[in-house]
Amino acid sequence: MPIPIIGNAFIGIAIPEHITNLITDLYDNDLKTIKYVKPSNLHITLKFLGKSDERKIILIKEALNYIRFPHFDIILNKAVFWNPNIVALEVELNPYLNAVKHELDKIIFRHALIDIDKKPFKPHITVARTKAKFNKIELNNLLTTYKTINNKKFQSNQIHLYRSLRIKGKQNDYIKLFTV
């Protein structure tokens, strides 16, 4: 009997409510070409896992029990636009965050046989996506709006295993499956 696929899975850090509020207060609903990320979906991805069946999820949960996760500050840097369509807030890559990412890659590879990321780690919070091209003035205005949260920090003390669910073509919902 085939094992059902539960959707894309990923490991990430949730954004606390006070930071989520700072971010979403800057959402500009007059920009019709922008689709903002739901407040409950804001996060920092540490490891994208892709399609994962129940057996793989069980292995990942077991692996996450081995990770040591220190409390540390996460500092927001500037807003950026990544072609073709992502507006994100860069997160400072501090030694603690980098160490957690490195340890997570090793543990997940060892216990769940998921490859170690080859791309450089660029921690960020995706805040919006667009399907249309921005003109430079609109883009500059949007990125400037987020300057008010440059250097804001929050304490990180948990990581979560999430899965992504799409319900009837609507924006994905991210469901927490496990917390360390």
N, C-alpha and C. Protein backbone atom coordinates (compact mmCIF):
# COMPACT_ATOMS: atom_id res chain seq x y z
N MET A 1 0.85 -1.18 0.00
CA MET A 1 0.00 0.00 0.00
C MET A 1 0.89 1.24 0.00
N PRO A 2 0.63 2.20 -0.91
CA PRO A 2 1.48 3.40 -0.96
C PRO A 2 1.30 4.26 0.27
N ILE A 3 2.37 4.94 0.63
CA ILE A 3 2.34 5.85 1.78
C ILE A 3 1.90 7.22 1.28
N PRO A 4 0.89 7.82 1.91
CA PRO A 4 0.40 9.11 1.41
C PRO A 4 1.44 10.22 1.60
N ILE A 5 1.49 11.10 0.62
CA ILE A 5 2.35 12.27 0.69
C ILE A 5 1.60 13.35 1.45
N ILE A 6 2.25 14.01 2.37
CA ILE A 6 1.55 15.01 3.18
C ILE A 6 1.82 16.44 2.74
N GLY A 7 2.48 16.62 1.64
CA GLY A 7 2.79 17.98 1.19
C GLY A 7 4.23 18.32 1.52
N ASN A 8 4.65 19.50 1.09
CA ASN A 8 6.02 19.93 1.36
C ASN A 8 6.23 20.11 2.86
N ALA A 9 7.38 19.70 3.31
CA ALA A 9 7.74 19.86 4.72
C ALA A 9 8.99 20.73 4.79
N PHE A 10 9.14 21.40 5.91
CA PHE A 10 10.35 22.20 6.13
C PHE A 10 10.53 22.41 7.62
N ILE A 11 11.75 22.76 8.00
CA ILE A 11 12.09 23.05 9.39
C ILE A 11 12.38 24.54 9.46
N GLY A 12 11.80 25.19 10.46
CA GLY A 12 11.99 26.63 10.54
C GLY A 12 11.81 27.18 11.93
N ILE A 13 11.99 28.48 12.02
CA ILE A 13 11.83 29.23 13.27
C ILE A 13 10.61 30.11 13.11
N ALA A 14 9.68 29.99 14.04
CA ALA A 14 8.48 30.84 14.02
C ALA A 14 8.85 32.26 14.41
N ILE A 15 8.08 33.20 13.92
CA ILE A 15 8.29 34.61 14.24
C ILE A 15 7.35 34.98 15.37
N PRO A 16 7.86 35.56 16.47
CA PRO A 16 6.99 35.90 17.59
C PRO A 16 5.95 36.96 17.20
N GLU A 17 4.88 36.98 17.95
CA GLU A 17 3.74 37.84 17.62
C GLU A 17 4.13 39.31 17.51
N HIS A 18 4.96 39.80 18.43
CA HIS A 18 5.29 41.23 18.38
C HIS A 18 6.05 41.61 17.10
N ILE A 19 6.88 40.71 16.60
CA ILE A 19 7.60 40.96 15.34
C ILE A 19 6.65 40.77 14.16
N THR A 20 5.81 39.75 14.22
CA THR A 20 4.80 39.56 13.17
C THR A 20 3.94 40.80 13.03
N ASN A 21 3.53 41.38 14.15
CA ASN A 21 2.71 42.59 14.10
C ASN A 21 3.46 43.75 13.46
N LEU A 22 4.74 43.91 13.78
CA LEU A 22 5.54 44.97 13.15
C LEU A 22 5.59 44.79 11.63
N ILE A 23 5.75 43.55 11.20
CA ILE A 23 5.84 43.26 9.77
C ILE A 23 4.50 43.50 9.08
N THR A 24 3.44 42.91 9.63
CA THR A 24 2.14 42.99 8.95
C THR A 24 1.53 44.38 9.02
N ASP A 25 1.91 45.17 10.01
CA ASP A 25 1.43 46.56 10.05
C ASP A 25 1.93 47.36 8.85
N LEU A 26 2.98 46.86 8.21
CA LEU A 26 3.55 47.55 7.04
C LEU A 26 2.98 47.05 5.72
N TYR A 27 2.13 46.02 5.77
CA TYR A 27 1.52 45.52 4.54
C TYR A 27 0.70 46.64 3.91
N ASP A 28 0.88 46.84 2.62
CA ASP A 28 0.17 47.89 1.88
C ASP A 28 -0.85 47.22 0.97
N ASN A 29 -2.10 47.20 1.41
CA ASN A 29 -3.14 46.51 0.65
C ASN A 29 -3.53 47.25 -0.63
N ASP A 30 -2.99 48.44 -0.83
CA ASP A 30 -3.26 49.17 -2.07
C ASP A 30 -2.41 48.64 -3.23
N LEU A 31 -1.37 47.90 -2.92
CA LEU A 31 -0.54 47.32 -3.98
C LEU A 31 -1.21 46.03 -4.46
N LYS A 32 -1.91 46.11 -5.56
CA LYS A 32 -2.71 44.99 -6.05
C LYS A 32 -1.87 43.86 -6.63
N THR A 33 -0.63 44.14 -7.00
CA THR A 33 0.21 43.11 -7.61
C THR A 33 0.95 42.27 -6.57
N ILE A 34 0.76 42.59 -5.30
CA ILE A 34 1.48 41.92 -4.21
C ILE A 34 0.53 40.96 -3.49
N LYS A 35 1.06 39.78 -3.17
CA LYS A 35 0.32 38.86 -2.31
C LYS A 35 1.17 38.69 -1.05
N TYR A 36 0.70 39.25 0.04
CA TYR A 36 1.44 39.19 1.30
C TYR A 36 1.28 37.83 1.95
N VAL A 37 2.32 37.40 2.65
CA VAL A 37 2.29 36.15 3.40
C VAL A 37 1.38 36.33 4.60
N LYS A 38 0.56 35.32 4.86
CA LYS A 38 -0.32 35.37 6.03
C LYS A 38 0.53 35.52 7.28
N PRO A 39 0.07 36.30 8.25
CA PRO A 39 0.84 36.48 9.49
C PRO A 39 1.22 35.15 10.15
N SER A 40 0.32 34.19 10.16
CA SER A 40 0.60 32.90 10.81
C SER A 40 1.64 32.08 10.05
N ASN A 41 1.94 32.45 8.81
CA ASN A 41 2.90 31.71 8.00
C ASN A 41 4.30 32.33 7.99
N LEU A 42 4.50 33.47 8.64
CA LEU A 42 5.82 34.09 8.67
C LEU A 42 6.79 33.21 9.46
N HIS A 43 7.97 32.96 8.91
CA HIS A 43 8.95 32.08 9.55
C HIS A 43 10.31 32.28 8.88
N ILE A 44 11.32 31.69 9.47
CA ILE A 44 12.65 31.60 8.86
C ILE A 44 12.88 30.13 8.54
N THR A 45 13.06 29.80 7.27
CA THR A 45 13.31 28.41 6.90
C THR A 45 14.76 28.05 7.19
N LEU A 46 14.94 26.97 7.93
CA LEU A 46 16.28 26.44 8.17
C LEU A 46 16.61 25.32 7.18
N LYS A 47 15.60 24.52 6.83
CA LYS A 47 15.83 23.38 5.93
C LYS A 47 14.53 23.05 5.21
N PHE A 48 14.54 23.13 3.88
CA PHE A 48 13.40 22.71 3.07
C PHE A 48 13.55 21.22 2.83
N LEU A 49 12.48 20.47 3.09
CA LEU A 49 12.53 19.02 3.00
C LEU A 49 11.77 18.47 1.80
N GLY A 50 10.92 19.27 1.18
CA GLY A 50 10.16 18.82 0.02
C GLY A 50 9.03 17.88 0.40
N LYS A 51 8.56 17.13 -0.58
CA LYS A 51 7.47 16.17 -0.35
C LYS A 51 7.97 15.10 0.61
N SER A 52 7.21 14.85 1.66
CA SER A 52 7.64 13.90 2.69
C SER A 52 6.46 13.06 3.13
N ASP A 53 6.62 11.74 3.02
CA ASP A 53 5.56 10.84 3.47
C ASP A 53 5.66 10.65 4.98
N GLU A 54 4.71 9.91 5.54
CA GLU A 54 4.67 9.74 7.01
C GLU A 54 5.93 9.07 7.56
N ARG A 55 6.47 8.11 6.82
CA ARG A 55 7.69 7.44 7.30
C ARG A 55 8.85 8.44 7.40
N LYS A 56 8.98 9.28 6.39
CA LYS A 56 10.05 10.28 6.40
C LYS A 56 9.84 11.28 7.54
N ILE A 57 8.59 11.68 7.76
CA ILE A 57 8.28 12.62 8.85
C ILE A 57 8.66 12.02 10.20
N ILE A 58 8.39 10.74 10.40
CA ILE A 58 8.76 10.08 11.66
C ILE A 58 10.28 10.11 11.84
N LEU A 59 11.03 9.82 10.78
CA LEU A 59 12.50 9.87 10.86
C LEU A 59 13.00 11.27 11.18
N ILE A 60 12.37 12.26 10.56
CA ILE A 60 12.78 13.65 10.80
C ILE A 60 12.50 14.05 12.24
N LYS A 61 11.33 13.67 12.76
CA LYS A 61 11.00 13.98 14.16
C LYS A 61 12.03 13.34 15.10
N GLU A 62 12.36 12.09 14.84
CA GLU A 62 13.36 11.41 15.68
C GLU A 62 14.71 12.14 15.60
N ALA A 63 15.09 12.54 14.40
CA ALA A 63 16.36 13.25 14.23
C ALA A 63 16.37 14.57 14.98
N LEU A 64 15.25 15.28 14.96
CA LEU A 64 15.19 16.59 15.63
C LEU A 64 15.39 16.48 17.13
N ASN A 65 15.11 15.33 17.70
CA ASN A 65 15.34 15.15 19.14
C ASN A 65 16.82 15.24 19.51
N TYR A 66 17.70 15.10 18.53
CA TYR A 66 19.14 15.14 18.79
C TYR A 66 19.73 16.55 18.71
N ILE A 67 18.96 17.49 18.23
CA ILE A 67 19.54 18.82 18.01
C ILE A 67 19.60 19.60 19.31
N ARG A 68 20.71 20.30 19.49
CA ARG A 68 20.86 21.23 20.62
C ARG A 68 20.52 22.61 20.09
N PHE A 69 19.59 23.25 20.74
CA PHE A 69 19.11 24.53 20.23
C PHE A 69 19.25 25.59 21.30
N PRO A 70 20.33 26.38 21.25
CA PRO A 70 20.53 27.41 22.27
C PRO A 70 19.58 28.59 22.05
N HIS A 71 19.31 29.32 23.10
CA HIS A 71 18.56 30.57 22.97
C HIS A 71 19.53 31.60 22.40
N PHE A 72 19.08 32.33 21.41
CA PHE A 72 19.92 33.39 20.86
C PHE A 72 19.04 34.44 20.19
N ASP A 73 19.63 35.61 19.97
CA ASP A 73 18.90 36.70 19.33
C ASP A 73 18.95 36.55 17.82
N ILE A 74 17.82 36.85 17.20
CA ILE A 74 17.74 36.95 15.75
C ILE A 74 17.52 38.42 15.44
N ILE A 75 18.34 38.94 14.53
CA ILE A 75 18.28 40.37 14.20
C ILE A 75 17.86 40.52 12.74
N LEU A 76 16.83 41.34 12.54
CA LEU A 76 16.36 41.62 11.18
C LEU A 76 17.26 42.66 10.54
N ASN A 77 17.64 42.41 9.29
CA ASN A 77 18.41 43.39 8.53
C ASN A 77 17.45 44.15 7.63
N LYS A 78 17.80 44.30 6.40
CA LYS A 78 17.01 45.13 5.48
C LYS A 78 16.04 44.28 4.66
N ALA A 79 15.06 44.97 4.08
CA ALA A 79 14.16 44.34 3.11
C ALA A 79 14.88 44.26 1.77
N VAL A 80 14.64 43.16 1.05
CA VAL A 80 15.28 42.95 -0.25
C VAL A 80 14.24 42.40 -1.23
N PHE A 81 14.54 42.55 -2.50
CA PHE A 81 13.71 41.97 -3.56
C PHE A 81 14.58 40.97 -4.30
N TRP A 82 14.13 39.72 -4.35
CA TRP A 82 14.85 38.68 -5.08
C TRP A 82 14.06 38.35 -6.32
N ASN A 83 14.71 38.49 -7.47
CA ASN A 83 14.04 38.11 -8.71
C ASN A 83 13.72 36.63 -8.68
N PRO A 84 12.63 36.20 -9.23
CA PRO A 84 11.72 37.05 -9.98
C PRO A 84 10.60 37.68 -9.16
N ASN A 85 10.33 37.19 -7.93
CA ASN A 85 9.08 37.68 -7.33
C ASN A 85 9.00 37.68 -5.81
N ILE A 86 10.10 37.73 -5.10
CA ILE A 86 10.07 37.60 -3.64
C ILE A 86 10.49 38.90 -2.97
N VAL A 87 9.69 39.34 -2.00
CA VAL A 87 10.08 40.43 -1.11
C VAL A 87 10.37 39.77 0.24
N ALA A 88 11.56 39.99 0.77
CA ALA A 88 11.96 39.31 2.00
C ALA A 88 12.68 40.27 2.93
N LEU A 89 12.70 39.89 4.20
CA LEU A 89 13.50 40.59 5.20
C LEU A 89 14.72 39.72 5.48
N GLU A 90 15.89 40.25 5.21
CA GLU A 90 17.10 39.49 5.51
C GLU A 90 17.28 39.41 7.02
N VAL A 91 17.83 38.29 7.46
CA VAL A 91 18.13 38.06 8.87
C VAL A 91 19.64 37.96 9.00
N GLU A 92 20.19 38.61 10.02
CA GLU A 92 21.64 38.55 10.24
C GLU A 92 22.07 37.11 10.49
N LEU A 93 23.08 36.68 9.76
CA LEU A 93 23.60 35.32 9.92
C LEU A 93 24.63 35.36 11.04
N ASN A 94 24.16 35.16 12.27
CA ASN A 94 25.08 35.18 13.41
C ASN A 94 25.65 33.78 13.65
N PRO A 95 26.69 33.65 14.46
CA PRO A 95 27.32 32.35 14.67
C PRO A 95 26.37 31.29 15.24
N TYR A 96 25.44 31.68 16.09
CA TYR A 96 24.51 30.71 16.67
C TYR A 96 23.55 30.16 15.62
N LEU A 97 22.99 31.05 14.82
CA LEU A 97 22.07 30.62 13.77
C LEU A 97 22.80 29.74 12.76
N ASN A 98 24.00 30.12 12.40
CA ASN A 98 24.79 29.33 11.46
C ASN A 98 25.11 27.95 12.05
N ALA A 99 25.45 27.89 13.32
CA ALA A 99 25.76 26.61 13.97
C ALA A 99 24.53 25.71 14.03
N VAL A 100 23.37 26.28 14.33
CA VAL A 100 22.13 25.50 14.37
C VAL A 100 21.83 24.93 12.98
N LYS A 101 21.98 25.75 11.95
CA LYS A 101 21.74 25.29 10.57
C LYS A 101 22.69 24.16 10.21
N HIS A 102 23.97 24.32 10.54
CA HIS A 102 24.98 23.30 10.22
C HIS A 102 24.67 21.99 10.96
N GLU A 103 24.37 22.09 12.25
CA GLU A 103 24.06 20.89 13.04
C GLU A 103 22.79 20.22 12.52
N LEU A 104 21.80 21.02 12.19
CA LEU A 104 20.54 20.49 11.66
C LEU A 104 20.78 19.70 10.37
N ASP A 105 21.56 20.26 9.46
CA ASP A 105 21.88 19.56 8.21
C ASP A 105 22.52 18.20 8.49
N LYS A 106 23.51 18.18 9.39
CA LYS A 106 24.21 16.92 9.69
C LYS A 106 23.28 15.89 10.31
N ILE A 107 22.46 16.32 11.26
CA ILE A 107 21.57 15.39 11.96
C ILE A 107 20.49 14.85 11.02
N ILE A 108 19.91 15.72 10.22
CA ILE A 108 18.87 15.28 9.29
C ILE A 108 19.46 14.33 8.24
N PHE A 109 20.66 14.61 7.78
CA PHE A 109 21.31 13.71 6.82
C PHE A 109 21.57 12.34 7.46
N ARG A 110 22.10 12.36 8.66
CA ARG A 110 22.46 11.12 9.35
C ARG A 110 21.23 10.26 9.66
N HIS A 111 20.14 10.86 10.08
CA HIS A 111 18.99 10.09 10.56
C HIS A 111 17.87 9.93 9.53
N ALA A 112 17.76 10.85 8.60
CA ALA A 112 16.64 10.78 7.65
C ALA A 112 17.12 10.74 6.20
N LEU A 113 18.44 10.72 6.00
CA LEU A 113 19.04 10.62 4.67
C LEU A 113 18.57 11.70 3.71
N ILE A 114 18.44 12.92 4.23
CA ILE A 114 18.10 14.06 3.39
C ILE A 114 19.39 14.84 3.17
N ASP A 115 19.69 15.13 1.93
CA ASP A 115 20.96 15.76 1.57
C ASP A 115 21.21 17.07 2.32
N ILE A 116 22.48 17.32 2.56
CA ILE A 116 22.92 18.59 3.13
C ILE A 116 22.81 19.65 2.05
N ASP A 117 22.30 20.82 2.43
CA ASP A 117 22.14 21.91 1.47
C ASP A 117 23.49 22.32 0.91
N LYS A 118 23.54 22.47 -0.39
CA LYS A 118 24.78 22.91 -1.05
C LYS A 118 24.81 24.43 -1.22
N LYS A 119 23.63 25.04 -1.29
CA LYS A 119 23.57 26.49 -1.46
C LYS A 119 23.93 27.18 -0.15
N PRO A 120 24.52 28.36 -0.24
CA PRO A 120 24.81 29.11 0.99
C PRO A 120 23.50 29.43 1.72
N PHE A 121 23.56 29.42 3.02
CA PHE A 121 22.39 29.71 3.86
C PHE A 121 22.17 31.21 3.89
N LYS A 122 20.99 31.66 3.46
CA LYS A 122 20.61 33.07 3.48
C LYS A 122 19.35 33.20 4.32
N PRO A 123 19.48 33.32 5.63
CA PRO A 123 18.28 33.39 6.45
C PRO A 123 17.46 34.63 6.13
N HIS A 124 16.15 34.43 6.04
CA HIS A 124 15.26 35.53 5.68
C HIS A 124 13.83 35.17 6.07
N ILE A 125 12.99 36.18 6.04
CA ILE A 125 11.55 36.00 6.23
C ILE A 125 10.90 36.49 4.95
N THR A 126 10.25 35.60 4.22
CA THR A 126 9.51 36.02 3.03
C THR A 126 8.26 36.75 3.50
N VAL A 127 8.06 37.97 3.02
CA VAL A 127 6.88 38.74 3.42
C VAL A 127 5.87 38.89 2.30
N ALA A 128 6.30 38.75 1.04
CA ALA A 128 5.36 38.91 -0.06
C ALA A 128 5.91 38.28 -1.33
N ARG A 129 4.97 38.00 -2.23
CA ARG A 129 5.30 37.54 -3.57
C ARG A 129 4.52 38.39 -4.56
N THR A 130 5.05 38.49 -5.75
CA THR A 130 4.34 39.24 -6.79
C THR A 130 4.43 38.48 -8.10
N LYS A 131 3.41 38.63 -8.91
CA LYS A 131 3.44 38.02 -10.25
C LYS A 131 3.75 39.07 -11.30
N ALA A 132 3.59 40.32 -10.94
CA ALA A 132 3.82 41.40 -11.90
C ALA A 132 5.19 42.02 -11.66
N LYS A 133 5.69 42.67 -12.67
CA LYS A 133 6.95 43.40 -12.53
C LYS A 133 6.69 44.70 -11.78
N PHE A 134 7.61 45.05 -10.91
CA PHE A 134 7.55 46.34 -10.21
C PHE A 134 8.26 47.38 -11.06
N ASN A 135 7.76 48.60 -11.00
CA ASN A 135 8.61 49.65 -11.52
C ASN A 135 9.55 50.04 -10.38
N LYS A 136 10.65 50.67 -10.70
CA LYS A 136 11.69 50.93 -9.69
C LYS A 136 11.20 51.81 -8.55
N ILE A 137 10.32 52.75 -8.83
CA ILE A 137 9.81 53.64 -7.78
C ILE A 137 8.95 52.86 -6.79
N GLU A 138 8.03 52.02 -7.31
CA GLU A 138 7.19 51.19 -6.43
C GLU A 138 8.05 50.28 -5.56
N LEU A 139 9.03 49.64 -6.20
CA LEU A 139 9.90 48.72 -5.48
C LEU A 139 10.69 49.45 -4.40
N ASN A 140 11.26 50.57 -4.73
CA ASN A 140 12.03 51.35 -3.76
C ASN A 140 11.14 51.79 -2.59
N ASN A 141 9.93 52.24 -2.90
CA ASN A 141 8.99 52.65 -1.84
C ASN A 141 8.65 51.49 -0.92
N LEU A 142 8.41 50.32 -1.52
CA LEU A 142 8.07 49.14 -0.72
C LEU A 142 9.22 48.76 0.20
N LEU A 143 10.43 48.70 -0.33
CA LEU A 143 11.59 48.32 0.48
C LEU A 143 11.89 49.36 1.55
N THR A 144 11.70 50.62 1.23
CA THR A 144 11.93 51.70 2.19
C THR A 144 10.96 51.60 3.36
N THR A 145 9.73 51.17 3.10
CA THR A 145 8.73 51.02 4.15
C THR A 145 9.24 50.14 5.29
N TYR A 146 10.00 49.11 4.93
CA TYR A 146 10.46 48.14 5.93
C TYR A 146 11.69 48.60 6.71
N LYS A 147 12.24 49.77 6.39
CA LYS A 147 13.41 50.27 7.13
C LYS A 147 13.10 50.45 8.62
N THR A 148 11.84 50.65 8.95
CA THR A 148 11.47 50.86 10.36
C THR A 148 11.74 49.63 11.22
N ILE A 149 11.89 48.47 10.59
CA ILE A 149 12.15 47.28 11.41
C ILE A 149 13.58 46.77 11.26
N ASN A 150 14.44 47.53 10.57
CA ASN A 150 15.86 47.17 10.53
C ASN A 150 16.40 47.10 11.96
N ASN A 151 17.21 46.11 12.21
CA ASN A 151 17.88 45.90 13.50
C ASN A 151 16.94 45.53 14.64
N LYS A 152 15.68 45.24 14.34
CA LYS A 152 14.79 44.71 15.39
C LYS A 152 15.27 43.30 15.70
N LYS A 153 15.16 42.92 16.96
CA LYS A 153 15.62 41.58 17.32
C LYS A 153 14.57 40.87 18.14
N PHE A 154 14.68 39.55 18.11
CA PHE A 154 13.82 38.72 18.95
C PHE A 154 14.59 37.48 19.37
N GLN A 155 14.16 36.89 20.44
CA GLN A 155 14.80 35.71 21.01
C GLN A 155 14.26 34.46 20.31
N SER A 156 15.16 33.60 19.90
CA SER A 156 14.78 32.34 19.29
C SER A 156 15.09 31.22 20.26
N ASN A 157 14.10 30.38 20.51
CA ASN A 157 14.34 29.29 21.45
C ASN A 157 13.71 27.97 21.03
N GLN A 158 13.12 27.92 19.83
CA GLN A 158 12.52 26.69 19.34
C GLN A 158 12.67 26.61 17.83
N ILE A 159 12.71 25.37 17.34
CA ILE A 159 12.54 25.16 15.90
C ILE A 159 11.35 24.24 15.73
N HIS A 160 10.75 24.33 14.55
CA HIS A 160 9.52 23.58 14.28
C HIS A 160 9.67 22.82 12.97
N LEU A 161 9.05 21.65 12.94
CA LEU A 161 8.85 20.92 11.70
C LEU A 161 7.46 21.31 11.21
N TYR A 162 7.39 21.85 10.01
CA TYR A 162 6.13 22.31 9.43
C TYR A 162 5.78 21.46 8.21
N ARG A 163 4.51 21.48 7.88
CA ARG A 163 4.10 21.01 6.56
C ARG A 163 3.22 22.08 5.94
N SER A 164 3.23 22.09 4.64
CA SER A 164 2.49 23.09 3.88
C SER A 164 1.23 22.43 3.33
N LEU A 165 0.10 23.06 3.57
CA LEU A 165 -1.18 22.56 3.05
C LEU A 165 -1.81 23.63 2.18
N ARG A 166 -2.26 23.24 1.00
CA ARG A 166 -3.00 24.16 0.13
C ARG A 166 -4.44 23.67 0.10
N ILE A 167 -5.35 24.56 0.45
CA ILE A 167 -6.76 24.20 0.49
C ILE A 167 -7.49 24.94 -0.62
N LYS A 168 -8.00 24.19 -1.59
CA LYS A 168 -8.80 24.73 -2.69
C LYS A 168 -8.17 25.96 -3.35
N GLY A 169 -6.91 25.85 -3.70
CA GLY A 169 -6.26 26.91 -4.45
C GLY A 169 -5.91 28.16 -3.67
N LYS A 170 -6.22 28.18 -2.38
CA LYS A 170 -5.89 29.36 -1.57
C LYS A 170 -4.42 29.31 -1.18
N GLN A 171 -3.97 30.40 -0.56
CA GLN A 171 -2.59 30.46 -0.08
C GLN A 171 -2.34 29.32 0.90
N ASN A 172 -1.13 28.79 0.88
CA ASN A 172 -0.78 27.68 1.78
C ASN A 172 -0.98 28.06 3.24
N ASP A 173 -1.28 27.05 4.04
CA ASP A 173 -1.22 27.17 5.49
C ASP A 173 -0.07 26.30 5.95
N TYR A 174 0.71 26.80 6.90
CA TYR A 174 1.81 26.02 7.44
C TYR A 174 1.39 25.48 8.80
N ILE A 175 1.43 24.16 8.91
CA ILE A 175 0.99 23.47 10.12
C ILE A 175 2.23 22.98 10.87
N LYS A 176 2.31 23.28 12.17
CA LYS A 176 3.43 22.78 12.98
C LYS A 176 3.15 21.32 13.32
N LEU A 177 4.10 20.45 12.95
CA LEU A 177 3.98 19.03 13.24
C LEU A 177 4.76 18.63 14.49
N PHE A 178 5.82 19.38 14.78
CA PHE A 178 6.72 18.98 15.86
C PHE A 178 7.55 20.19 16.27
N THR A 179 7.86 20.28 17.54
CA THR A 179 8.63 21.41 18.06
C THR A 179 9.77 20.89 18.93
N VAL A 180 10.94 21.50 18.75
CA VAL A 180 12.11 21.19 19.58
C VAL A 180 12.48 22.46 20.33
